């Protein structure tokens, strides 16, 4: 009979260490994390100080992209024409 592996103790962080870990993770994944996480800074720090993994703490703030439907060739052409017209109107001199 094999012995069960001993549980790995959680690494408890100080507030400074937790803040550094939070900032490093946020800075590395800024494009994918919702900006509302700033309001929950104290909650995030508390969970990190209790030993939770940074990925798990930020998981609830992760942005989930909305599925994009297929773009038809006609839609691409129309968008290109509208963009071109807008660019022409932006440089149209006003002689009145």
Foldseek 3Di string as FASTA:
>chain_A
DDDDDDDDDADADDLVVQVVVLVVVCVVCVVFFAPCVVVVVVVSSVVVRVRDDNCVSRVVRGDDDDDDDDDDPVNVVVVVVVVVVVVVVVPDDDPD
